[in-house]
N, C-alpha and C. Protein backbone atom coordinates (compact mmCIF):
# COMPACT_ATOMS: atom_id res chain seq x y z
N MET A 1 50.41 126.39 102.95
CA MET A 1 50.29 124.98 102.70
C MET A 1 51.66 124.78 101.49
N LYS A 2 52.65 123.87 102.07
CA LYS A 2 53.82 123.72 102.19
C LYS A 2 54.24 122.89 100.88
N LYS A 3 54.75 122.89 99.56
CA LYS A 3 55.03 121.99 98.52
C LYS A 3 55.98 121.10 98.93
N VAL A 4 55.74 120.10 98.61
CA VAL A 4 56.77 118.87 98.77
C VAL A 4 57.38 118.36 97.58
N LYS A 5 58.24 118.47 97.91
CA LYS A 5 59.40 117.74 96.22
C LYS A 5 59.28 116.86 96.29
N ILE A 6 59.00 115.67 95.05
CA ILE A 6 59.18 114.57 94.98
C ILE A 6 59.90 114.36 94.11
N LYS A 7 61.52 113.60 94.89
CA LYS A 7 62.16 113.46 94.04
C LYS A 7 62.36 112.09 93.20
N THR A 8 62.76 112.29 92.22
CA THR A 8 62.76 112.05 90.85
C THR A 8 64.15 111.35 90.65
N LYS A 9 64.46 110.32 89.60
CA LYS A 9 65.88 110.23 89.54
C LYS A 9 66.70 110.91 88.60
N SER A 10 67.74 111.55 88.95
CA SER A 10 69.25 112.31 88.88
C SER A 10 68.65 112.14 87.10
N LYS A 11 69.30 113.49 86.72
CA LYS A 11 69.54 112.98 85.18
C LYS A 11 70.95 112.39 84.05
N THR A 12 71.83 112.39 85.56
CA THR A 12 72.58 111.73 85.41
C THR A 12 72.34 110.53 85.03
N GLY A 13 71.77 109.86 86.28
CA GLY A 13 71.50 108.68 86.39
C GLY A 13 70.91 107.63 85.01
N ASP A 14 69.21 108.98 84.43
CA ASP A 14 69.12 108.40 83.13
C ASP A 14 70.07 108.84 82.03
N ARG A 15 71.13 109.80 81.63
CA ARG A 15 72.11 109.71 81.10
C ARG A 15 72.56 108.29 80.95
N VAL A 16 73.21 108.17 81.85
CA VAL A 16 73.55 106.26 81.98
C VAL A 16 73.40 105.98 81.46
N LYS A 17 72.35 105.22 81.48
CA LYS A 17 71.28 104.10 81.21
C LYS A 17 71.36 104.36 79.88
N MET A 18 71.00 105.19 79.25
CA MET A 18 70.62 105.55 78.01
C MET A 18 72.31 105.63 77.13
N LEU A 19 73.09 105.95 77.78
CA LEU A 19 74.61 105.23 77.46
C LEU A 19 74.75 104.21 77.58
N GLU A 20 74.09 103.62 78.46
CA GLU A 20 74.55 101.63 78.43
C GLU A 20 73.42 101.28 77.53
N ALA A 21 72.54 101.54 76.98
CA ALA A 21 71.52 101.13 76.12
C ALA A 21 72.17 101.23 74.76
N GLN A 22 72.98 102.30 75.02
CA GLN A 22 73.43 102.82 73.11
C GLN A 22 74.55 101.66 73.33
N LEU A 23 75.20 101.40 74.28
CA LEU A 23 76.63 100.64 74.18
C LEU A 23 76.47 99.75 73.92
N SER A 24 75.59 98.70 74.37
CA SER A 24 75.13 97.71 74.15
C SER A 24 74.14 96.77 72.72
N ARG A 25 73.66 98.16 71.93
CA ARG A 25 73.55 97.95 71.20
C ARG A 25 74.67 98.21 69.70
N ALA A 26 75.42 99.37 70.20
CA ALA A 26 76.56 99.21 69.35
C ALA A 26 77.52 98.25 69.34
N LEU A 27 77.33 97.37 70.62
CA LEU A 27 77.94 96.07 70.62
C LEU A 27 77.75 95.05 69.88
N ALA A 28 76.44 94.80 70.41
CA ALA A 28 75.44 94.04 69.27
C ALA A 28 75.78 94.25 67.93
N ASP A 29 75.74 95.44 67.46
CA ASP A 29 76.16 95.49 65.97
C ASP A 29 77.13 95.79 65.94
N TYR A 30 78.24 95.12 66.55
CA TYR A 30 80.03 95.17 65.99
C TYR A 30 79.87 93.70 65.90
N ASP A 31 79.10 92.88 66.75
CA ASP A 31 79.10 91.78 66.93
C ASP A 31 78.27 90.70 65.56
N ASN A 32 77.40 91.71 65.29
CA ASN A 32 76.95 90.65 63.67
C ASN A 32 77.62 91.67 62.65
N LEU A 33 78.29 91.90 62.31
CA LEU A 33 79.08 92.80 61.43
C LEU A 33 80.00 91.55 61.21
N ALA A 34 80.75 91.34 62.30
CA ALA A 34 81.76 90.79 62.52
C ALA A 34 81.71 89.00 61.76
N LYS A 35 80.62 88.73 62.19
CA LYS A 35 79.84 87.74 61.85
C LYS A 35 79.70 87.81 60.26
N ARG A 36 79.13 88.76 60.09
CA ARG A 36 78.85 89.31 58.56
C ARG A 36 79.88 89.03 57.81
N ILE A 37 81.03 89.43 58.22
CA ILE A 37 81.84 89.50 57.67
C ILE A 37 82.74 87.93 57.02
N GLU A 38 82.88 87.77 58.64
CA GLU A 38 83.48 85.88 57.88
C GLU A 38 82.41 85.14 57.28
N ARG A 39 81.23 85.40 57.63
CA ARG A 39 80.69 84.62 56.34
C ARG A 39 80.55 85.31 54.79
N GLU A 40 80.96 86.37 54.73
CA GLU A 40 81.09 86.76 53.55
C GLU A 40 82.43 86.24 52.47
N LYS A 41 83.54 86.12 53.88
CA LYS A 41 85.03 85.47 53.55
C LYS A 41 84.76 84.41 52.99
N GLU A 42 83.86 83.48 53.97
CA GLU A 42 83.69 81.56 53.46
C GLU A 42 83.42 81.90 52.26
N GLU A 43 82.15 82.78 52.25
CA GLU A 43 81.70 82.60 50.64
C GLU A 43 82.44 82.85 49.57
N THR A 44 82.57 84.01 49.62
CA THR A 44 83.73 84.49 48.50
C THR A 44 85.24 83.32 48.29
N GLY A 45 84.94 82.87 49.25
CA GLY A 45 86.22 81.34 48.71
C GLY A 45 85.84 80.51 48.22
N VAL A 46 84.38 80.25 48.90
CA VAL A 46 83.56 79.07 47.83
C VAL A 46 83.78 79.67 46.25
N ILE A 47 83.19 80.75 46.53
CA ILE A 47 82.98 81.00 44.96
C ILE A 47 84.40 80.73 44.10
N ALA A 48 85.35 81.76 44.71
CA ALA A 48 86.58 81.21 44.14
C ALA A 48 87.39 80.26 44.28
N SER A 49 87.25 78.84 44.99
CA SER A 49 87.24 77.58 44.45
C SER A 49 86.33 76.84 43.29
N LEU A 50 85.31 77.26 43.21
CA LEU A 50 84.26 77.33 42.25
C LEU A 50 84.80 77.21 40.75
N GLY A 51 85.17 78.38 40.95
CA GLY A 51 85.57 78.80 39.57
C GLY A 51 86.41 77.82 39.01
N ILE A 52 88.05 77.25 40.05
CA ILE A 52 88.73 76.45 39.46
C ILE A 52 87.98 75.24 39.14
N VAL A 53 87.15 74.87 40.02
CA VAL A 53 86.43 73.50 40.00
C VAL A 53 86.00 73.00 38.51
N VAL A 54 84.93 74.54 37.82
CA VAL A 54 84.04 74.22 37.05
C VAL A 54 85.10 73.84 35.44
N ASN A 55 86.54 74.52 35.82
CA ASN A 55 87.28 74.36 34.55
C ASN A 55 88.23 73.05 34.94
N LEU A 56 87.95 72.89 36.28
CA LEU A 56 89.02 70.95 35.82
C LEU A 56 87.93 70.25 35.51
N LEU A 57 86.60 70.05 35.86
CA LEU A 57 85.74 69.23 35.50
C LEU A 57 85.70 68.29 34.14
N PRO A 58 86.42 69.12 32.99
CA PRO A 58 86.33 68.73 31.60
C PRO A 58 87.50 67.73 31.84
N VAL A 59 88.93 68.13 32.50
CA VAL A 59 89.89 66.90 32.77
C VAL A 59 89.64 65.68 33.19
N PHE A 60 88.55 65.93 34.94
CA PHE A 60 88.24 64.79 35.20
C PHE A 60 87.43 64.05 34.82
N ASP A 61 86.67 64.71 33.42
CA ASP A 61 86.08 63.94 32.33
C ASP A 61 86.86 62.90 31.40
N MET A 62 87.67 63.60 31.12
CA MET A 62 89.07 62.98 30.01
C MET A 62 89.37 61.60 31.27
N LEU A 63 90.10 62.07 31.99
CA LEU A 63 90.64 60.91 33.59
C LEU A 63 89.58 59.53 32.86
N VAL A 64 88.14 59.95 33.69
CA VAL A 64 87.29 58.78 34.04
C VAL A 64 87.15 57.77 32.35
N GLN A 65 87.24 59.13 30.91
CA GLN A 65 86.98 58.03 29.92
C GLN A 65 88.62 57.38 29.58
N ALA A 66 89.38 57.79 29.97
CA ALA A 66 90.73 57.33 29.73
C ALA A 66 90.81 55.77 30.32
N GLN A 67 89.89 56.02 31.88
CA GLN A 67 90.15 54.80 32.70
C GLN A 67 88.82 53.42 32.16
N GLN A 68 87.42 54.11 31.13
CA GLN A 68 86.83 52.88 30.76
C GLN A 68 87.81 52.46 30.02
N HIS A 69 88.78 52.52 29.19
CA HIS A 69 89.31 51.84 28.19
C HIS A 69 90.53 51.73 28.33
N LEU A 70 91.02 52.05 29.56
CA LEU A 70 92.58 51.70 29.79
C LEU A 70 92.26 50.61 31.11
N LYS A 71 91.46 50.46 31.98
CA LYS A 71 91.46 50.22 33.05
C LYS A 71 92.54 50.16 34.02
N ASP A 72 93.50 50.71 34.42
CA ASP A 72 94.50 51.35 34.60
C ASP A 72 94.00 51.42 36.12
N SER A 73 95.16 50.80 37.00
CA SER A 73 94.63 51.19 38.48
C SER A 73 95.50 51.94 39.01
N GLY A 74 96.44 52.38 37.95
CA GLY A 74 97.07 53.82 39.23
C GLY A 74 96.10 54.98 38.89
N LEU A 75 95.85 55.02 37.08
CA LEU A 75 94.66 56.16 36.94
C LEU A 75 93.26 55.83 37.64
N ALA A 76 93.20 54.48 38.30
CA ALA A 76 91.58 54.39 39.12
C ALA A 76 91.84 55.56 40.40
N ILE A 77 93.34 55.73 41.30
CA ILE A 77 93.61 55.87 42.18
C ILE A 77 93.52 57.48 41.82
N THR A 78 94.34 57.76 40.93
CA THR A 78 94.23 58.98 40.28
C THR A 78 92.82 59.70 40.85
N ILE A 79 91.95 58.97 39.88
CA ILE A 79 90.41 59.48 39.85
C ILE A 79 90.21 59.67 41.33
N LYS A 80 89.92 58.69 41.98
CA LYS A 80 89.66 58.69 43.38
C LYS A 80 90.01 59.92 44.24
N GLU A 81 91.36 60.03 43.90
CA GLU A 81 91.84 61.08 44.73
C GLU A 81 91.00 62.41 44.04
N PHE A 82 91.03 62.55 42.89
CA PHE A 82 90.28 63.83 42.27
C PHE A 82 89.26 63.87 42.73
N GLN A 83 88.21 62.99 42.52
CA GLN A 83 87.26 62.82 43.37
C GLN A 83 86.72 63.25 45.02
N ASP A 84 87.93 63.21 45.74
CA ASP A 84 88.10 63.36 47.11
C ASP A 84 88.60 64.90 47.47
N VAL A 85 89.24 65.13 46.43
CA VAL A 85 89.48 66.28 46.49
C VAL A 85 88.16 67.42 46.28
N LEU A 86 87.41 67.39 44.84
CA LEU A 86 86.44 68.24 44.67
C LEU A 86 85.20 67.86 45.79
N SER A 87 85.36 66.90 46.39
CA SER A 87 84.54 66.52 47.81
C SER A 87 84.94 67.59 49.01
N GLU A 88 86.10 67.70 49.18
CA GLU A 88 86.68 68.17 50.42
C GLU A 88 86.39 70.66 49.87
N GLU A 89 86.44 70.23 48.10
CA GLU A 89 85.79 71.63 48.18
C GLU A 89 84.47 71.95 48.08
N GLY A 90 83.77 70.80 49.00
CA GLY A 90 82.05 71.19 49.06
C GLY A 90 81.40 71.17 47.39
N VAL A 91 82.04 69.50 46.35
CA VAL A 91 81.09 69.87 45.61
C VAL A 91 81.10 68.30 45.67
N ASP A 92 79.93 67.88 45.12
CA ASP A 92 79.53 66.33 44.76
C ASP A 92 79.21 66.30 43.83
N GLN A 93 79.13 64.75 43.01
CA GLN A 93 78.50 63.99 41.69
C GLN A 93 77.20 63.96 42.06
N ILE A 94 76.48 64.22 41.16
CA ILE A 94 74.96 63.67 40.89
C ILE A 94 75.38 62.57 40.57
N ASN A 95 74.25 61.43 41.44
CA ASN A 95 74.37 60.19 41.14
C ASN A 95 73.20 60.08 40.67
N VAL A 96 73.22 59.61 38.93
CA VAL A 96 72.31 59.10 38.40
C VAL A 96 72.67 57.66 37.72
N LYS A 97 71.10 57.01 37.28
CA LYS A 97 71.58 55.74 36.72
C LYS A 97 70.36 55.15 35.98
N VAL A 98 70.91 54.29 35.00
CA VAL A 98 69.87 54.04 33.76
C VAL A 98 68.61 54.04 34.37
N GLY A 99 67.39 54.09 34.07
CA GLY A 99 65.86 53.85 34.78
C GLY A 99 65.63 54.60 35.54
N ASP A 100 66.25 55.42 36.41
CA ASP A 100 65.87 56.67 37.11
C ASP A 100 65.03 57.50 36.39
N LYS A 101 64.21 58.65 36.86
CA LYS A 101 63.17 59.13 36.41
C LYS A 101 63.92 60.30 35.94
N PHE A 102 63.82 60.94 34.65
CA PHE A 102 64.29 62.47 34.48
C PHE A 102 63.47 63.64 35.26
N ASP A 103 64.65 64.14 36.08
CA ASP A 103 64.06 65.26 36.40
C ASP A 103 65.14 66.76 36.14
N GLU A 104 64.54 67.30 35.53
CA GLU A 104 64.67 68.74 34.73
C GLU A 104 65.43 69.65 36.05
N ASN A 105 65.70 69.88 37.21
CA ASN A 105 66.58 70.04 37.95
C ASN A 105 67.33 69.42 38.55
N LEU A 106 67.54 68.17 37.88
CA LEU A 106 69.36 67.96 37.99
C LEU A 106 70.17 67.19 36.87
N HIS A 107 68.68 66.54 35.88
CA HIS A 107 69.28 66.57 34.55
C HIS A 107 68.91 67.40 33.15
N GLU A 108 69.91 66.88 32.31
CA GLU A 108 69.72 67.94 31.04
C GLU A 108 69.61 66.41 29.68
N ALA A 109 68.27 66.87 29.35
CA ALA A 109 68.26 65.29 28.20
C ALA A 109 68.35 66.13 26.53
N VAL A 110 70.04 65.19 26.71
CA VAL A 110 70.51 65.63 25.36
C VAL A 110 69.97 65.07 23.80
N ASP A 111 69.32 63.92 24.37
CA ASP A 111 68.49 63.13 23.30
C ASP A 111 67.52 61.79 23.54
N THR A 112 66.39 61.82 22.72
CA THR A 112 65.12 61.02 23.21
C THR A 112 65.36 59.47 22.38
N HIS A 113 64.43 58.76 22.82
CA HIS A 113 64.38 57.65 22.05
C HIS A 113 62.49 57.27 21.73
N ASP A 114 62.30 57.19 20.69
CA ASP A 114 61.37 56.96 20.48
C ASP A 114 60.69 55.70 21.92
N VAL A 115 59.07 55.46 22.14
CA VAL A 115 59.09 54.78 22.77
C VAL A 115 57.85 54.00 22.15
N LYS A 116 57.81 52.80 22.24
CA LYS A 116 56.56 51.83 21.58
C LYS A 116 55.31 51.66 21.99
N MET A 117 54.74 51.34 21.99
CA MET A 117 53.21 51.61 22.71
C MET A 117 53.18 50.88 23.98
N LYS A 118 53.93 49.52 24.19
CA LYS A 118 53.92 48.41 25.17
C LYS A 118 55.18 48.95 26.13
N GLU A 119 55.91 50.15 26.00
CA GLU A 119 57.30 50.80 26.65
C GLU A 119 56.77 52.02 27.03
N THR A 120 55.02 52.06 27.27
CA THR A 120 54.95 53.68 27.51
C THR A 120 55.30 53.93 29.07
N LYS A 121 55.36 52.82 29.95
CA LYS A 121 55.48 52.39 31.38
C LYS A 121 57.29 53.24 31.24
N LEU A 122 58.27 52.87 30.26
CA LEU A 122 59.05 53.38 30.52
C LEU A 122 59.57 55.13 30.14
N LYS A 123 58.36 55.68 29.90
CA LYS A 123 58.63 57.32 29.17
C LYS A 123 59.05 58.23 30.50
N GLY A 124 59.91 58.86 30.20
CA GLY A 124 60.39 59.68 31.19
C GLY A 124 61.82 59.29 31.89
N GLU A 125 62.26 57.90 31.54
CA GLU A 125 63.15 57.54 32.66
C GLU A 125 64.45 57.51 31.43
N ILE A 126 65.97 57.84 32.48
CA ILE A 126 66.53 57.91 31.54
C ILE A 126 67.57 56.30 30.86
N SER A 127 67.71 56.44 29.78
CA SER A 127 68.21 55.43 29.78
C SER A 127 69.56 55.34 28.93
N GLU A 128 70.27 56.33 29.00
CA GLU A 128 71.99 56.68 29.21
C GLU A 128 72.53 58.25 30.29
N VAL A 129 73.54 57.83 30.67
CA VAL A 129 74.15 58.64 30.81
C VAL A 129 75.10 59.08 30.24
N LEU A 130 74.78 60.24 29.72
CA LEU A 130 76.82 60.71 28.76
C LEU A 130 77.67 61.22 29.82
N LEU A 131 77.16 62.56 30.72
CA LEU A 131 78.44 63.06 31.25
C LEU A 131 77.56 63.62 32.61
N VAL A 132 78.63 63.27 33.43
CA VAL A 132 78.19 63.02 34.93
C VAL A 132 77.95 64.51 35.63
N GLY A 133 76.77 65.15 36.19
CA GLY A 133 76.41 65.78 37.27
C GLY A 133 77.18 66.42 37.73
N TRP A 134 77.50 68.08 38.39
CA TRP A 134 77.63 68.51 40.12
C TRP A 134 77.28 69.55 40.41
N ARG A 135 77.63 69.18 41.87
CA ARG A 135 76.62 70.35 42.46
C ARG A 135 77.33 70.39 43.97
N VAL A 136 76.97 71.42 43.97
CA VAL A 136 77.63 72.51 45.45
C VAL A 136 76.85 71.49 46.61
N LYS A 137 77.50 70.92 47.81
CA LYS A 137 76.91 69.97 48.80
C LYS A 137 76.33 71.25 49.04
N ASN A 138 74.58 70.43 48.95
CA ASN A 138 73.16 71.29 49.79
C ASN A 138 73.29 72.96 49.50
N GLY A 139 73.35 72.55 47.89
CA GLY A 139 73.19 74.28 47.02
C GLY A 139 72.99 73.87 45.44
N PRO A 140 74.08 74.67 45.16
CA PRO A 140 73.22 74.65 43.62
C PRO A 140 74.08 74.04 42.56
N ILE A 141 73.50 73.70 41.67
CA ILE A 141 74.09 72.42 40.54
C ILE A 141 75.09 73.34 39.77
N ILE A 142 76.13 73.07 39.70
CA ILE A 142 77.59 73.46 38.95
C ILE A 142 77.12 73.00 37.04
N ARG A 143 76.76 71.43 36.86
CA ARG A 143 76.59 71.05 36.11
C ARG A 143 75.71 70.05 36.19
N TYR A 144 74.85 69.96 35.34
CA TYR A 144 73.69 69.44 34.95
C TYR A 144 74.23 67.96 34.31
N THR A 145 73.75 66.68 34.64
CA THR A 145 73.81 65.87 34.13
C THR A 145 72.73 65.72 33.10
N LYS A 146 74.32 65.17 31.89
CA LYS A 146 73.50 65.41 30.64
C LYS A 146 73.02 63.15 30.11
N VAL A 147 71.80 63.72 30.10
CA VAL A 147 71.32 62.07 30.12
C VAL A 147 70.35 62.22 28.37
N LYS A 148 70.08 60.75 28.11
CA LYS A 148 69.38 60.14 27.24
C LYS A 148 67.86 59.69 27.53
N VAL A 149 67.17 60.56 27.03
CA VAL A 149 65.58 60.34 28.39
C VAL A 149 64.99 59.06 27.19
N ARG A 150 63.90 58.22 27.51
CA ARG A 150 62.87 57.59 26.32
C ARG A 150 61.87 58.46 26.19
């Protein structure tokens, strides 16, 4: 009886497919690396600008306090421009008003008021905003809003 040879794929063809698969994985790895480097570069830029922003917030607070006393239109324009720059840097003011419920995730209570029995429904409400808070857009708090609480 004569043996019949069954033709199988050539070793060269298998080798080419293996190399193509390796190349495909290497290209995907390179693409992922490039994306990661770009993302880390952006994050580093944000961190660097936040350092400057944190140092400028006390200056902003002083301008706002001066405006409360002076009511100067030029100073108001400067404050608005300052806020716009902070917003462009990805930093937003935490909006808090008297009567809001105290939220430990956004506020820092620096003082409390005694609440009388008839005012128990006011307990836990903000009675005064002492210092505005700031946060990264959709991110962490840079500075908690300092408030007085009932």
